[in-house]
C-alpha atoms as a PDB file:
ATOM      1  CA  MET A   1     -84.219 207.793 138.156  1.00  0.00           C
ATOM      2  CA  ILE A   2     -84.147 207.087 134.188  1.00  0.00           C
ATOM      3  CA  GLY A   3     -82.608 209.420 131.809  1.00  0.00           C
ATOM      4  CA  TYR A   4     -84.197 209.900 128.837  1.00  0.00           C
ATOM      5  CA  ASP A   5     -82.366 211.424 125.457  1.00  0.00           C
ATOM      6  CA  PRO A   6     -84.237 210.674 122.197  1.00  0.00           C
ATOM      7  CA  PHE A   7     -80.590 209.967 120.502  1.00  0.00           C
ATOM      8  CA  TYR A   8     -78.454 208.886 123.365  1.00  0.00           C
ATOM      9  CA  ALA A   9     -80.598 207.433 125.881  1.00  0.00           C
ATOM     10  CA  PRO A  10     -83.668 206.361 123.820  1.00  0.00           C
ATOM     11  CA  GLU A  11     -85.491 204.473 127.099  1.00  0.00           C
ATOM     12  CA  ALA A  12     -89.320 204.177 125.424  1.00  0.00           C
ATOM     13  CA  SER A  13     -90.267 202.988 128.978  1.00  0.00           C
ATOM     14  CA  VAL A  14     -90.187 206.488 130.517  1.00  0.00           C
ATOM     15  CA  TRP A  15     -93.519 207.187 128.576  1.00  0.00           C
ATOM     16  CA  SER A  16     -95.330 204.190 130.181  1.00  0.00           C
ATOM     17  CA  ARG A  17     -95.084 205.301 133.500  1.00  0.00           C
ATOM     18  CA  GLU A  18     -96.182 208.065 135.837  1.00  0.00           C
ATOM     19  CA  TRP A  19     -93.360 210.556 137.527  1.00  0.00           C
ATOM     20  CA  ASP A  20     -93.436 212.611 140.541  1.00  0.00           C
ATOM     21  CA  PHE A  21     -90.674 214.688 139.489  1.00  0.00           C
ATOM     22  CA  ILE A  22     -89.340 215.227 135.786  1.00  0.00           C
ATOM     23  CA  THR A  23     -86.365 217.511 134.821  1.00  0.00           C
ATOM     24  CA  ALA A  24     -85.265 218.871 131.509  1.00  0.00           C
ATOM     25  CA  SER A  25     -82.188 220.828 131.730  1.00  0.00           C
ATOM     26  CA  GLU A  26     -81.001 222.717 128.708  1.00  0.00           C
ATOM     27  CA  VAL A  27     -83.559 220.890 126.835  1.00  0.00           C
ATOM     28  CA  LEU A  28     -86.202 223.227 125.803  1.00  0.00           C
ATOM     29  CA  GLU A  29     -84.178 225.658 123.444  1.00  0.00           C
ATOM     30  CA  HIS A  30     -83.887 222.340 121.401  1.00  0.00           C
ATOM     31  CA  LEU A  31     -86.843 221.356 120.397  1.00  0.00           C
ATOM     32  CA  HIS A  32     -88.715 222.005 117.169  1.00  0.00           C
ATOM     33  CA  HIS A  33     -91.970 221.451 118.628  1.00  0.00           C
ATOM     34  CA  PRO A  34     -92.049 222.237 122.491  1.00  0.00           C
ATOM     35  CA  ALA A  35     -95.557 222.051 122.796  1.00  0.00           C
ATOM     36  CA  GLY A  36     -95.962 218.326 121.686  1.00  0.00           C
ATOM     37  CA  GLU A  37     -93.302 217.731 123.925  1.00  0.00           C
ATOM     38  CA  LEU A  38     -94.287 219.734 126.943  1.00  0.00           C
ATOM     39  CA  ASP A  39     -97.911 217.459 126.053  1.00  0.00           C
ATOM     40  CA  ARG A  40     -95.821 214.450 126.747  1.00  0.00           C
ATOM     41  CA  LEU A  41     -94.155 215.435 129.670  1.00  0.00           C
ATOM     42  CA  PHE A  42     -97.290 216.910 131.461  1.00  0.00           C
ATOM     43  CA  ARG A  43     -99.036 213.588 130.303  1.00  0.00           C
ATOM     44  CA  VAL A  44     -96.403 211.094 132.263  1.00  0.00           C
ATOM     45  CA  LEU A  45     -96.245 213.804 135.281  1.00  0.00           C
ATOM     46  CA  LYS A  46     -98.583 212.333 138.381  1.00  0.00           C
ATOM     47  CA  PRO A  47    -100.928 214.643 139.990  1.00  0.00           C
ATOM     48  CA  GLY A  48     -99.056 216.604 142.475  1.00  0.00           C
ATOM     49  CA  GLY A  49     -95.437 216.240 140.504  1.00  0.00           C
ATOM     50  CA  TRP A  50     -93.376 218.510 139.424  1.00  0.00           C
ATOM     51  CA  LEU A  51     -91.835 219.543 136.036  1.00  0.00           C
ATOM     52  CA  GLY A  52     -88.431 221.576 136.634  1.00  0.00           C
ATOM     53  CA  ILE A  53     -86.823 223.105 133.441  1.00  0.00           C
ATOM     54  CA  LEU A  54     -83.617 224.552 133.439  1.00  0.00           C
ATOM     55  CA  THR A  55     -82.865 226.928 130.139  1.00  0.00           C
ATOM     56  CA  GLY A  56     -81.512 230.619 129.022  1.00  0.00           C
ATOM     57  CA  TRP A  57     -83.886 233.277 129.493  1.00  0.00           C
ATOM     58  CA  ARG A  58     -84.217 235.275 126.950  1.00  0.00           C
ATOM     59  CA  PRO A  59     -82.825 238.621 127.219  1.00  0.00           C
ATOM     60  CA  ASP A  60     -84.630 242.139 126.314  1.00  0.00           C
ATOM     61  CA  PRO A  61     -84.248 242.734 122.476  1.00  0.00           C
ATOM     62  CA  VAL A  62     -80.929 244.774 122.532  1.00  0.00           C
ATOM     63  CA  ALA A  63     -79.188 242.197 124.669  1.00  0.00           C
ATOM     64  CA  PHE A  64     -80.683 239.537 122.505  1.00  0.00           C
ATOM     65  CA  ALA A  65     -78.323 240.413 119.381  1.00  0.00           C
ATOM     66  CA  THR A  66     -75.044 239.374 121.496  1.00  0.00           C
ATOM     67  CA  TRP A  67     -76.745 236.825 123.936  1.00  0.00           C
ATOM     68  CA  HIS A  68     -74.324 233.888 123.791  1.00  0.00           C
ATOM     69  CA  TYR A  69     -77.248 231.561 123.601  1.00  0.00           C
ATOM     70  CA  ILE A  70     -77.959 232.500 119.988  1.00  0.00           C
ATOM     71  CA  THR A  71     -74.435 231.471 118.497  1.00  0.00           C
ATOM     72  CA  ASP A  72     -75.407 227.800 119.079  1.00  0.00           C
ATOM     73  CA  SER A  73     -77.036 227.160 115.905  1.00  0.00           C
ATOM     74  CA  THR A  74     -78.988 223.801 118.044  1.00  0.00           C
ATOM     75  CA  HIS A  75     -80.527 226.557 120.243  1.00  0.00           C
ATOM     76  CA  ILE A  76     -83.876 227.096 118.286  1.00  0.00           C
ATOM     77  CA  ALA A  77     -86.261 228.158 120.934  1.00  0.00           C
ATOM     78  CA  PHE A  78     -86.078 230.664 123.213  1.00  0.00           C
ATOM     79  CA  TYR A  79     -88.124 231.490 126.777  1.00  0.00           C
ATOM     80  CA  SER A  80     -88.736 234.386 128.848  1.00  0.00           C
ATOM     81  CA  PRO A  81     -90.943 234.594 132.044  1.00  0.00           C
ATOM     82  CA  ALA A  82     -94.098 235.619 129.981  1.00  0.00           C
ATOM     83  CA  THR A  83     -93.436 232.289 127.971  1.00  0.00           C
ATOM     84  CA  PHE A  84     -93.443 229.907 131.264  1.00  0.00           C
ATOM     85  CA  ARG A  85     -96.435 232.337 132.211  1.00  0.00           C
ATOM     86  CA  HIS A  86     -98.018 231.245 129.046  1.00  0.00           C
ATOM     87  CA  ILE A  87     -97.131 227.554 129.618  1.00  0.00           C
ATOM     88  CA  ALA A  88     -98.532 227.224 133.085  1.00  0.00           C
ATOM     89  CA  ALA A  89    -101.711 228.876 131.990  1.00  0.00           C
ATOM     90  CA  ARG A  90    -102.166 226.580 128.932  1.00  0.00           C
ATOM     91  CA  TRP A  91    -101.470 223.045 130.890  1.00  0.00           C
ATOM     92  CA  GLN A  92    -103.287 224.242 134.050  1.00  0.00           C
ATOM     93  CA  VAL A  93    -100.110 224.077 136.468  1.00  0.00           C
ATOM     94  CA  ASP A  94     -98.776 225.969 139.040  1.00  0.00           C
ATOM     95  CA  LEU A  95     -95.627 227.947 138.459  1.00  0.00           C
ATOM     96  CA  THR A  96     -92.544 229.161 140.479  1.00  0.00           C
ATOM     97  CA  LEU A  97     -89.581 230.687 138.866  1.00  0.00           C
ATOM     98  CA  ILE A  98     -86.868 230.494 140.721  1.00  0.00           C
ATOM     99  CA  ASP A  99     -83.894 232.496 138.845  1.00  0.00           C
ATOM    100  CA  PRO A 100     -83.316 233.460 135.336  1.00  0.00           C
ATOM    101  CA  HIS A 101     -82.941 229.865 134.367  1.00  0.00           C
ATOM    102  CA  ILE A 102     -85.286 227.855 136.275  1.00  0.00           C
ATOM    103  CA  ALA A 103     -88.900 227.470 136.180  1.00  0.00           C
ATOM    104  CA  LEU A 104     -90.510 224.703 138.473  1.00  0.00           C
ATOM    105  CA  MET A 105     -94.200 223.741 137.261  1.00  0.00           C
ATOM    106  CA  ARG A 106     -96.284 221.764 139.647  1.00  0.00           C
ATOM    107  CA  LYS A 107     -99.264 219.515 138.053  1.00  0.00           C
ATOM    108  CA  PRO A 108    -102.105 220.133 140.602  1.00  0.00           C
ATOM    109  CA  PRO A 109    -102.754 217.136 142.784  1.00  0.00           C
ATOM    110  CA  VAL A 110    -106.281 215.032 142.848  1.00  0.00           C
ATOM    111  CA  LEU A 111    -108.455 216.222 145.534  1.00  0.00           C
ATOM    112  CA  ASP A 112    -109.857 213.600 147.893  1.00  0.00           C
ATOM    113  CA  PRO A 113    -113.779 213.262 148.547  1.00  0.00           C
ATOM    114  CA  ALA A 114    -113.760 215.614 151.167  1.00  0.00           C
ATOM    115  CA  GLY A 115    -112.126 218.451 148.883  1.00  0.00           C
ATOM    116  CA  SER A 116    -108.582 218.663 150.880  1.00  0.00           C
ATOM    117  CA  GLN A 117    -105.227 218.879 149.032  1.00  0.00           C
ATOM    118  CA  PRO A 118    -102.650 216.088 149.612  1.00  0.00           C
ATOM    119  CA  ASN A 119     -99.531 217.207 150.262  1.00  0.00           C
ATOM    120  CA  PRO A 120     -96.578 214.917 149.178  1.00  0.00           C
ATOM    121  CA  CYS A 121     -93.853 217.480 149.684  1.00  0.00           C
ATOM    122  CA  GLY A 122     -94.605 218.302 153.428  1.00  0.00           C
ATOM    123  CA  ALA A 123     -94.793 221.889 152.764  1.00  0.00           C
ATOM    124  CA  MET A 124     -96.851 224.182 154.705  1.00  0.00           C
ATOM    125  CA  PRO A 125    -100.430 225.086 153.741  1.00  0.00           C
ATOM    126  CA  ASP A 126     -98.968 228.937 153.464  1.00  0.00           C
ATOM    127  CA  ASP A 127     -95.962 227.759 151.468  1.00  0.00           C
ATOM    128  CA  PRO A 128     -96.149 229.890 148.286  1.00  0.00           C
ATOM    129  CA  LEU A 129     -95.085 226.476 146.225  1.00  0.00           C
ATOM    130  CA  LEU A 130     -98.609 225.540 146.984  1.00  0.00           C
ATOM    131  CA  HIS A 131    -100.452 228.772 146.022  1.00  0.00           C
ATOM    132  CA  SER A 132     -98.437 230.124 143.148  1.00  0.00           C
ATOM    133  CA  LYS A 133    -101.497 229.487 140.466  1.00  0.00           C
ATOM    134  CA  ALA A 134    -100.194 230.971 137.114  1.00  0.00           C
ATOM    135  CA  GLY A 135    -100.725 235.115 137.076  1.00  0.00           C
ATOM    136  CA  GLY A 136    -101.710 234.498 141.076  1.00  0.00           C
ATOM    137  CA  LYS A 137     -99.508 234.361 144.489  1.00  0.00           C
ATOM    138  CA  GLY A 138     -95.982 233.327 143.977  1.00  0.00           C
ATOM    139  CA  SER A 139     -95.627 233.596 140.427  1.00  0.00           C
ATOM    140  CA  SER A 140     -93.308 235.973 138.953  1.00  0.00           C
END
């Protein structure tokens, strides 16, 4: 495991490797250019790998006015389930929304020549995590 933070742990080698699992905990709300950073993350995520994102989900417009997240001046981008469905569709990844703070995205595995998918996480074939294509079975 290697931590990365552009200010406190600028370990540039993280961008020259591929990863099975990447977490971004309380990060996305601080990004000025989230699409560029998501591009970088998905680029270094191995096929079949997971990206886990934890961030506060934007409440409805009435609750937004008093939401604690907007009192932090470093929080400049806000996300909702619809935002994560858009992200999943744009980067063509599977999406599972865990609760009002966690989104898991899985980069599709590379098919073997016979056309079957490898199963690196040991999940059963009917596991919704393996069949939760954005907007399809298992997505919220």
